[in-house]
């Protein structure tokens, strides 16, 4: 169970029983859970961007390798 779900249950229990402290605690727990989820999503996005950047570098490296030293100029002296 996530912190957000636990907080929601705690907030609901506080609302039912009239315990304002429990209700506020539950609300704070929900906010903390949401912040944790957001941080995890940002880290996942950062990792995916790093993977994409590395894939682009590898693609560019392979393209240079495929072109060769002269970059697909060919042999202009022999007429090819």
PDB file of N, CA and C in Angstrom:
ATOM      1  N   UNK A   1       0.845  -1.174   0.000  1.00  0.00           N
ATOM      2  CA  UNK A   1       0.000   0.000   0.000  1.00  0.00           C
ATOM      3  C   UNK A   1       0.898   1.248   0.000  1.00  0.00           C
ATOM      4  N   UNK A   2       0.555   2.203  -0.818  1.00  0.00           N
ATOM      5  CA  UNK A   2       1.374   3.405  -0.937  1.00  0.00           C
ATOM      6  C   UNK A   2       1.103   4.378   0.207  1.00  0.00           C
ATOM      7  N   UNK A   3       2.036   5.318   0.379  1.00  0.00           N
ATOM      8  CA  UNK A   3       1.850   6.344   1.403  1.00  0.00           C
ATOM      9  C   UNK A   3       0.620   7.185   1.111  1.00  0.00           C
ATOM     10  N   UNK A   4       0.366   7.420  -0.173  1.00  0.00           N
ATOM     11  CA  UNK A   4      -0.822   8.196  -0.532  1.00  0.00           C
ATOM     12  C   UNK A   4      -2.090   7.486  -0.083  1.00  0.00           C
ATOM     13  N   UNK A   5      -2.165   6.193  -0.314  1.00  0.00           N
ATOM     14  CA  UNK A   5      -3.348   5.423   0.075  1.00  0.00           C
ATOM     15  C   UNK A   5      -3.488   5.366   1.597  1.00  0.00           C
ATOM     16  N   UNK A   6      -2.369   5.154   2.290  1.00  0.00           N
ATOM     17  CA  UNK A   6      -2.399   5.128   3.749  1.00  0.00           C
ATOM     18  C   UNK A   6      -2.853   6.479   4.293  1.00  0.00           C
ATOM     19  N   UNK A   7      -2.339   7.537   3.692  1.00  0.00           N
ATOM     20  CA  UNK A   7      -2.715   8.881   4.128  1.00  0.00           C
ATOM     21  C   UNK A   7      -4.191   9.157   3.903  1.00  0.00           C
ATOM     22  N   UNK A   8      -4.693   8.690   2.774  1.00  0.00           N
ATOM     23  CA  UNK A   8      -6.115   8.888   2.463  1.00  0.00           C
ATOM     24  C   UNK A   8      -6.984   8.156   3.488  1.00  0.00           C
ATOM     25  N   UNK A   9      -6.578   6.933   3.844  1.00  0.00           N
ATOM     26  CA  UNK A   9      -7.332   6.171   4.850  1.00  0.00           C
ATOM     27  C   UNK A   9      -7.261   6.866   6.212  1.00  0.00           C
ATOM     28  N   UNK A  10      -6.070   7.343   6.552  1.00  0.00           N
ATOM     29  CA  UNK A  10      -5.899   8.016   7.837  1.00  0.00           C
ATOM     30  C   UNK A  10      -6.721   9.306   7.877  1.00  0.00           C
ATOM     31  N   UNK A  11      -6.720  10.047   6.781  1.00  0.00           N
ATOM     32  CA  UNK A  11      -7.502  11.277   6.707  1.00  0.00           C
ATOM     33  C   UNK A  11      -9.001  10.966   6.842  1.00  0.00           C
ATOM     34  N   UNK A  12      -9.445   9.938   6.152  1.00  0.00           N
ATOM     35  CA  UNK A  12     -10.860   9.547   6.229  1.00  0.00           C
ATOM     36  C   UNK A  12     -11.236   9.123   7.646  1.00  0.00           C
ATOM     37  N   UNK A  13     -10.357   8.357   8.282  1.00  0.00           N
ATOM     38  CA  UNK A  13     -10.627   7.922   9.659  1.00  0.00           C
ATOM     39  C   UNK A  13     -10.709   9.131  10.582  1.00  0.00           C
ATOM     40  N   UNK A  14      -9.827  10.085  10.384  1.00  0.00           N
ATOM     41  CA  UNK A  14      -9.859  11.311  11.196  1.00  0.00           C
ATOM     42  C   UNK A  14     -11.123  12.103  10.961  1.00  0.00           C
ATOM     43  N   UNK A  15     -11.593  12.136   9.723  1.00  0.00           N
ATOM     44  CA  UNK A  15     -12.815  12.869   9.401  1.00  0.00           C
ATOM     45  C   UNK A  15     -14.022  12.194  10.036  1.00  0.00           C
ATOM     46  N   UNK A  16     -14.055  10.870  10.010  1.00  0.00           N
ATOM     47  CA  UNK A  16     -15.180  10.130  10.575  1.00  0.00           C
ATOM     48  C   UNK A  16     -15.236  10.280  12.094  1.00  0.00           C
ATOM     49  N   UNK A  17     -14.058  10.192  12.723  1.00  0.00           N
ATOM     50  CA  UNK A  17     -14.012  10.255  14.184  1.00  0.00           C
ATOM     51  C   UNK A  17     -13.946  11.683  14.708  1.00  0.00           C
ATOM     52  N   UNK A  18     -13.749  12.639  13.820  1.00  0.00           N
ATOM     53  CA  UNK A  18     -13.651  14.036  14.259  1.00  0.00           C
ATOM     54  C   UNK A  18     -12.283  14.388  14.801  1.00  0.00           C
ATOM     55  N   UNK A  19     -11.287  13.541  14.548  1.00  0.00           N
ATOM     56  CA  UNK A  19      -9.920  13.770  15.022  1.00  0.00           C
ATOM     57  C   UNK A  19      -9.177  14.609  13.981  1.00  0.00           C
ATOM     58  N   UNK A  20      -9.116  15.915  14.230  1.00  0.00           N
ATOM     59  CA  UNK A  20      -8.495  16.833  13.264  1.00  0.00           C
ATOM     60  C   UNK A  20      -7.000  16.578  13.106  1.00  0.00           C
ATOM     61  N   UNK A  21      -6.338  16.173  14.194  1.00  0.00           N
ATOM     62  CA  UNK A  21      -4.905  15.869  14.104  1.00  0.00           C
ATOM     63  C   UNK A  21      -4.661  14.678  13.179  1.00  0.00           C
ATOM     64  N   UNK A  22      -5.471  13.637  13.323  1.00  0.00           N
ATOM     65  CA  UNK A  22      -5.335  12.439  12.487  1.00  0.00           C
ATOM     66  C   UNK A  22      -5.641  12.800  11.029  1.00  0.00           C
ATOM     67  N   UNK A  23      -6.634  13.632  10.835  1.00  0.00           N
ATOM     68  CA  UNK A  23      -7.011  14.074   9.493  1.00  0.00           C
ATOM     69  C   UNK A  23      -5.855  14.857   8.843  1.00  0.00           C
ATOM     70  N   UNK A  24      -5.259  15.764   9.594  1.00  0.00           N
ATOM     71  CA  UNK A  24      -4.131  16.557   9.082  1.00  0.00           C
ATOM     72  C   UNK A  24      -2.917  15.669   8.816  1.00  0.00           C
ATOM     73  N   UNK A  25      -2.696  14.708   9.698  1.00  0.00           N
ATOM     74  CA  UNK A  25      -1.577  13.771   9.517  1.00  0.00           C
ATOM     75  C   UNK A  25      -1.762  12.964   8.234  1.00  0.00           C
ATOM     76  N   UNK A  26      -2.982  12.517   8.002  1.00  0.00           N
ATOM     77  CA  UNK A  26      -3.276  11.767   6.784  1.00  0.00           C
ATOM     78  C   UNK A  26      -3.066  12.602   5.535  1.00  0.00           C
ATOM     79  N   UNK A  27      -3.481  13.853   5.614  1.00  0.00           N
ATOM     80  CA  UNK A  27      -3.302  14.755   4.466  1.00  0.00           C
ATOM     81  C   UNK A  27      -1.813  14.974   4.189  1.00  0.00           C
ATOM     82  N   UNK A  28      -1.036  15.172   5.251  1.00  0.00           N
ATOM     83  CA  UNK A  28       0.413  15.356   5.096  1.00  0.00           C
ATOM     84  C   UNK A  28       1.056  14.096   4.519  1.00  0.00           C
ATOM     85  N   UNK A  29       0.597  12.944   4.948  1.00  0.00           N
ATOM     86  CA  UNK A  29       1.147  11.680   4.445  1.00  0.00           C
ATOM     87  C   UNK A  29       0.849  11.530   2.947  1.00  0.00           C
ATOM     88  N   UNK A  30      -0.313  11.972   2.521  1.00  0.00           N
ATOM     89  CA  UNK A  30      -0.658  11.930   1.096  1.00  0.00           C
ATOM     90  C   UNK A  30       0.279  12.822   0.289  1.00  0.00           C
ATOM     91  N   UNK A  31       0.539  14.021   0.806  1.00  0.00           N
ATOM     92  CA  UNK A  31       1.445  14.945   0.099  1.00  0.00           C
ATOM     93  C   UNK A  31       2.852  14.375   0.018  1.00  0.00           C
ATOM     94  N   UNK A  32       3.309  13.758   1.100  1.00  0.00           N
ATOM     95  CA  UNK A  32       4.641  13.142   1.104  1.00  0.00           C
ATOM     96  C   UNK A  32       4.703  12.003   0.090  1.00  0.00           C
ATOM     97  N   UNK A  33       3.647  11.210   0.033  1.00  0.00           N
ATOM     98  CA  UNK A  33       3.600  10.111  -0.935  1.00  0.00           C
ATOM     99  C   UNK A  33       3.624  10.616  -2.363  1.00  0.00           C
ATOM    100  N   UNK A  34       2.881  11.685  -2.622  1.00  0.00           N
ATOM    101  CA  UNK A  34       2.850  12.267  -3.965  1.00  0.00           C
ATOM    102  C   UNK A  34       4.220  12.814  -4.344  1.00  0.00           C
ATOM    103  N   UNK A  35       4.893  13.448  -3.386  1.00  0.00           N
ATOM    104  CA  UNK A  35       6.233  13.986  -3.654  1.00  0.00           C
ATOM    105  C   UNK A  35       7.216  12.855  -3.961  1.00  0.00           C
ATOM    106  N   UNK A  36       7.102  11.759  -3.235  1.00  0.00           N
ATOM    107  CA  UNK A  36       7.973  10.602  -3.486  1.00  0.00           C
ATOM    108  C   UNK A  36       7.736  10.008  -4.861  1.00  0.00           C
ATOM    109  N   UNK A  37       6.471   9.912  -5.252  1.00  0.00           N
ATOM    110  CA  UNK A  37       6.148   9.387  -6.583  1.00  0.00           C
ATOM    111  C   UNK A  37       6.688  10.307  -7.674  1.00  0.00           C
ATOM    112  N   UNK A  38       6.563  11.610  -7.456  1.00  0.00           N
ATOM    113  CA  UNK A  38       7.058  12.573  -8.443  1.00  0.00           C
ATOM    114  C   UNK A  38       8.576  12.474  -8.579  1.00  0.00           C
ATOM    115  N   UNK A  39       9.270  12.330  -7.461  1.00  0.00           N
ATOM    116  CA  UNK A  39      10.729  12.197  -7.499  1.00  0.00           C
ATOM    117  C   UNK A  39      11.135  10.919  -8.237  1.00  0.00           C
ATOM    118  N   UNK A  40      10.417   9.836  -7.987  1.00  0.00           N
ATOM    119  CA  UNK A  40      10.721   8.575  -8.666  1.00  0.00           C
ATOM    120  C   UNK A  40      10.492   8.705 -10.167  1.00  0.00           C
ATOM    121  N   UNK A  41       9.425   9.386 -10.561  1.00  0.00           N
ATOM    122  CA  UNK A  41       9.129   9.575 -11.987  1.00  0.00           C
ATOM    123  C   UNK A  41      10.201  10.448 -12.652  1.00  0.00           C
ATOM    124  N   UNK A  42      10.648  11.487 -11.951  1.00  0.00           N
ATOM    125  CA  UNK A  42      11.707  12.341 -12.505  1.00  0.00           C
ATOM    126  C   UNK A  42      12.995  11.551 -12.707  1.00  0.00           C
ATOM    127  N   UNK A  43      13.327  10.686 -11.757  1.00  0.00           N
ATOM    128  CA  UNK A  43      14.532   9.863 -11.884  1.00  0.00           C
ATOM    129  C   UNK A  43      14.398   8.889 -13.049  1.00  0.00           C
ATOM    130  N   UNK A  44      13.229   8.295 -13.198  1.00  0.00           N
ATOM    131  CA  UNK A  44      13.007   7.378 -14.314  1.00  0.00           C
ATOM    132  C   UNK A  44      13.141   8.114 -15.648  1.00  0.00           C
ATOM    133  N   UNK A  45      12.591   9.319 -15.720  1.00  0.00           N
ATOM    134  CA  UNK A  45      12.700  10.137 -16.935  1.00  0.00           C
ATOM    135  C   UNK A  45      14.163  10.470 -17.223  1.00  0.00           C
ATOM    136  N   UNK A  46      14.915  10.832 -16.179  1.00  0.00           N
ATOM    137  CA  UNK A  46      16.336  11.157 -16.354  1.00  0.00           C
ATOM    138  C   UNK A  46      17.100   9.949 -16.887  1.00  0.00           C
ATOM    139  N   UNK A  47      16.800   8.764 -16.359  1.00  0.00           N
ATOM    140  CA  UNK A  47      17.480   7.553 -16.813  1.00  0.00           C
ATOM    141  C   UNK A  47      17.143   7.247 -18.273  1.00  0.00           C
ATOM    142  N   UNK A  48      15.889   7.417 -18.641  1.00  0.00           N
ATOM    143  CA  UNK A  48      15.480   7.154 -20.031  1.00  0.00           C
ATOM    144  C   UNK A  48      16.131   8.154 -20.988  1.00  0.00           C
ATOM    145  N   UNK A  49      16.246   9.409 -20.563  1.00  0.00           N
ATOM    146  CA  UNK A  49      16.905  10.413 -21.402  1.00  0.00           C
ATOM    147  C   UNK A  49      18.382  10.075 -21.577  1.00  0.00           C
ATOM    148  N   UNK A  50      19.014   9.595 -20.511  1.00  0.00           N
ATOM    149  CA  UNK A  50      20.424   9.201 -20.595  1.00  0.00           C
ATOM    150  C   UNK A  50      20.589   8.022 -21.552  1.00  0.00           C
ATOM    151  N   UNK A  51      19.663   7.055 -21.506  1.00  0.00           N
ATOM    152  CA  UNK A  51      19.723   5.917 -22.428  1.00  0.00           C
ATOM    153  C   UNK A  51      19.561   6.391 -23.873  1.00  0.00           C
ATOM    154  N   UNK A  52      18.632   7.305 -24.102  1.00  0.00           N
ATOM    155  CA  UNK A  52      18.397   7.814 -25.455  1.00  0.00           C
ATOM    156  C   UNK A  52      19.621   8.556 -25.973  1.00  0.00           C
ATOM    157  N   UNK A  53      20.253   9.343 -25.113  1.00  0.00           N
ATOM    158  CA  UNK A  53      21.452  10.091 -25.513  1.00  0.00           C
ATOM    159  C   UNK A  53      22.586   9.133 -25.867  1.00  0.00           C
ATOM    160  N   UNK A  54      22.734   8.077 -25.080  1.00  0.00           N
ATOM    161  CA  UNK A  54      23.772   7.081 -25.356  1.00  0.00           C
ATOM    162  C   UNK A  54      23.484   6.365 -26.677  1.00  0.00           C
ATOM    163  N   UNK A  55      22.224   6.051 -26.929  1.00  0.00           N
ATOM    164  CA  UNK A  55      21.851   5.392 -28.187  1.00  0.00           C
ATOM    165  C   UNK A  55      22.155   6.304 -29.378  1.00  0.00           C
ATOM    166  N   UNK A  56      21.910   7.600 -29.228  1.00  0.00           N
ATOM    167  CA  UNK A  56      22.235   8.549 -30.298  1.00  0.00           C
ATOM    168  C   UNK A  56      23.734   8.599 -30.544  1.00  0.00           C
ATOM    169  N   UNK A  57      24.514   8.598 -29.455  1.00  0.00           N
ATOM    170  CA  UNK A  57      25.978   8.604 -29.602  1.00  0.00           C
ATOM    171  C   UNK A  57      26.458   7.363 -30.337  1.00  0.00           C
ATOM    172  N   UNK A  58      25.894   6.217 -29.969  1.00  0.00           N
ATOM    173  CA  UNK A  58      26.275   4.962 -30.626  1.00  0.00           C
ATOM    174  C   UNK A  58      25.884   4.988 -32.107  1.00  0.00           C
ATOM    175  N   UNK A  59      24.686   5.513 -32.413  1.00  0.00           N
ATOM    176  CA  UNK A  59      24.241   5.612 -33.800  1.00  0.00           C
ATOM    177  C   UNK A  59      25.185   6.507 -34.606  1.00  0.00           C
ATOM    178  N   UNK A  60      25.517   7.672 -34.047  1.00  0.00           N
ATOM    179  CA  UNK A  60      26.415   8.596 -34.736  1.00  0.00           C
ATOM    180  C   UNK A  60      27.804   7.992 -34.930  1.00  0.00           C
ATOM    181  N   UNK A  61      28.264   7.280 -33.922  1.00  0.00           N
ATOM    182  CA  UNK A  61      29.573   6.617 -33.996  1.00  0.00           C
ATOM    183  C   UNK A  61      29.564   5.573 -35.107  1.00  0.00           C
ATOM    184  N   UNK A  62      28.472   4.803 -35.202  1.00  0.00           N
ATOM    185  CA  UNK A  62      28.359   3.775 -36.227  1.00  0.00           C
ATOM    186  C   UNK A  62      28.274   4.407 -37.617  1.00  0.00           C
ATOM    187  N   UNK A  63      27.549   5.522 -37.738  1.00  0.00           N
ATOM    188  CA  UNK A  63      27.445   6.205 -39.035  1.00  0.00           C
ATOM    189  C   UNK A  63      28.814   6.680 -39.506  1.00  0.00           C
ATOM    190  N   UNK A  64      29.615   7.241 -38.591  1.00  0.00           N
ATOM    191  CA  UNK A  64      30.965   7.676 -38.958  1.00  0.00           C
ATOM    192  C   UNK A  64      31.820   6.490 -39.374  1.00  0.00           C
ATOM    193  N   UNK A  65      31.680   5.395 -38.653  1.00  0.00           N
ATOM    194  CA  UNK A  65      32.441   4.187 -38.967  1.00  0.00           C
ATOM    195  C   UNK A  65      32.044   3.654 -40.347  1.00  0.00           C
ATOM    196  N   UNK A  66      30.735   3.670 -40.647  1.00  0.00           N
ATOM    197  CA  UNK A  66      30.244   3.177 -41.932  1.00  0.00           C
ATOM    198  C   UNK A  66      30.722   4.046 -43.094  1.00  0.00           C
ATOM    199  N   UNK A  67      30.831   5.341 -42.876  1.00  0.00           N
ATOM    200  CA  UNK A  67      31.277   6.254 -43.938  1.00  0.00           C
ATOM    201  C   UNK A  67      32.759   6.098 -44.225  1.00  0.00           C
ATOM    202  N   UNK A  68      33.501   5.692 -43.241  1.00  0.00           N
ATOM    203  CA  UNK A  68      34.936   5.531 -43.438  1.00  0.00           C
ATOM    204  C   UNK A  68      35.670   6.840 -43.218  1.00  0.00           C
ATOM    205  N   UNK A  69      36.953   6.797 -43.423  1.00  0.00           N
ATOM    206  CA  UNK A  69      37.813   7.938 -43.139  1.00  0.00           C
ATOM    207  C   UNK A  69      37.489   9.126 -44.027  1.00  0.00           C
ATOM    208  N   UNK A  70      37.147   8.911 -45.278  1.00  0.00           N
ATOM    209  CA  UNK A  70      36.890  10.012 -46.205  1.00  0.00           C
ATOM    210  C   UNK A  70      35.412  10.387 -46.280  1.00  0.00           C
ATOM    211  N   UNK A  71      34.567   9.717 -45.543  1.00  0.00           N
ATOM    212  CA  UNK A  71      33.157  10.087 -45.512  1.00  0.00           C
ATOM    213  C   UNK A  71      32.408   9.811 -46.803  1.00  0.00           C
ATOM    214  N   UNK A  72      32.558   8.616 -47.387  1.00  0.00           N
ATOM    215  CA  UNK A  72      31.839   8.209 -48.602  1.00  0.00           C
ATOM    216  C   UNK A  72      32.185   9.043 -49.825  1.00  0.00           C
ATOM    217  N   UNK A  73      33.380   9.607 -49.874  1.00  0.00           N
ATOM    218  CA  UNK A  73      33.769  10.385 -51.048  1.00  0.00           C
ATOM    219  C   UNK A  73      34.077   9.493 -52.241  1.00  0.00           C
ATOM    220  N   UNK A  74      34.530   8.328 -51.974  1.00  0.00           N
ATOM    221  CA  UNK A  74      34.863   7.413 -53.071  1.00  0.00           C
ATOM    222  C   UNK A  74      36.229   7.770 -53.668  1.00  0.00           C
ATOM    223  N   UNK A  75      36.604   7.032 -54.656  1.00  0.00           N
ATOM    224  CA  UNK A  75      37.887   7.241 -55.328  1.00  0.00           C
ATOM    225  C   UNK A  75      37.625   8.068 -56.582  1.00  0.00           C
ATOM    226  N   UNK A  76      37.861   9.370 -56.525  1.00  0.00           N
ATOM    227  CA  UNK A  76      37.584  10.248 -57.656  1.00  0.00           C
ATOM    228  C   UNK A  76      38.636  10.135 -58.744  1.00  0.00           C
ATOM    229  N   UNK A  77      39.824   9.659 -58.433  1.00  0.00           N
ATOM    230  CA  UNK A  77      40.880   9.557 -59.442  1.00  0.00           C
ATOM    231  C   UNK A  77      40.638   8.387 -60.397  1.00  0.00           C
ATOM    232  N   UNK A  78      40.070   7.320 -59.906  1.00  0.00           N
ATOM    233  CA  UNK A  78      39.883   6.157 -60.760  1.00  0.00           C
ATOM    234  C   UNK A  78      38.543   6.187 -61.494  1.00  0.00           C
ATOM    235  N   UNK A  79      37.718   7.204 -61.258  1.00  0.00           N
ATOM    236  CA  UNK A  79      36.443   7.328 -61.941  1.00  0.00           C
ATOM    237  C   UNK A  79      35.311   6.549 -61.301  1.00  0.00           C
ATOM    238  N   UNK A  80      35.480   6.052 -60.132  1.00  0.00           N
ATOM    239  CA  UNK A  80      34.425   5.290 -59.462  1.00  0.00           C
ATOM    240  C   UNK A  80      33.513   6.170 -58.693  1.00  0.00           C
TER     241      UNK A  80
END
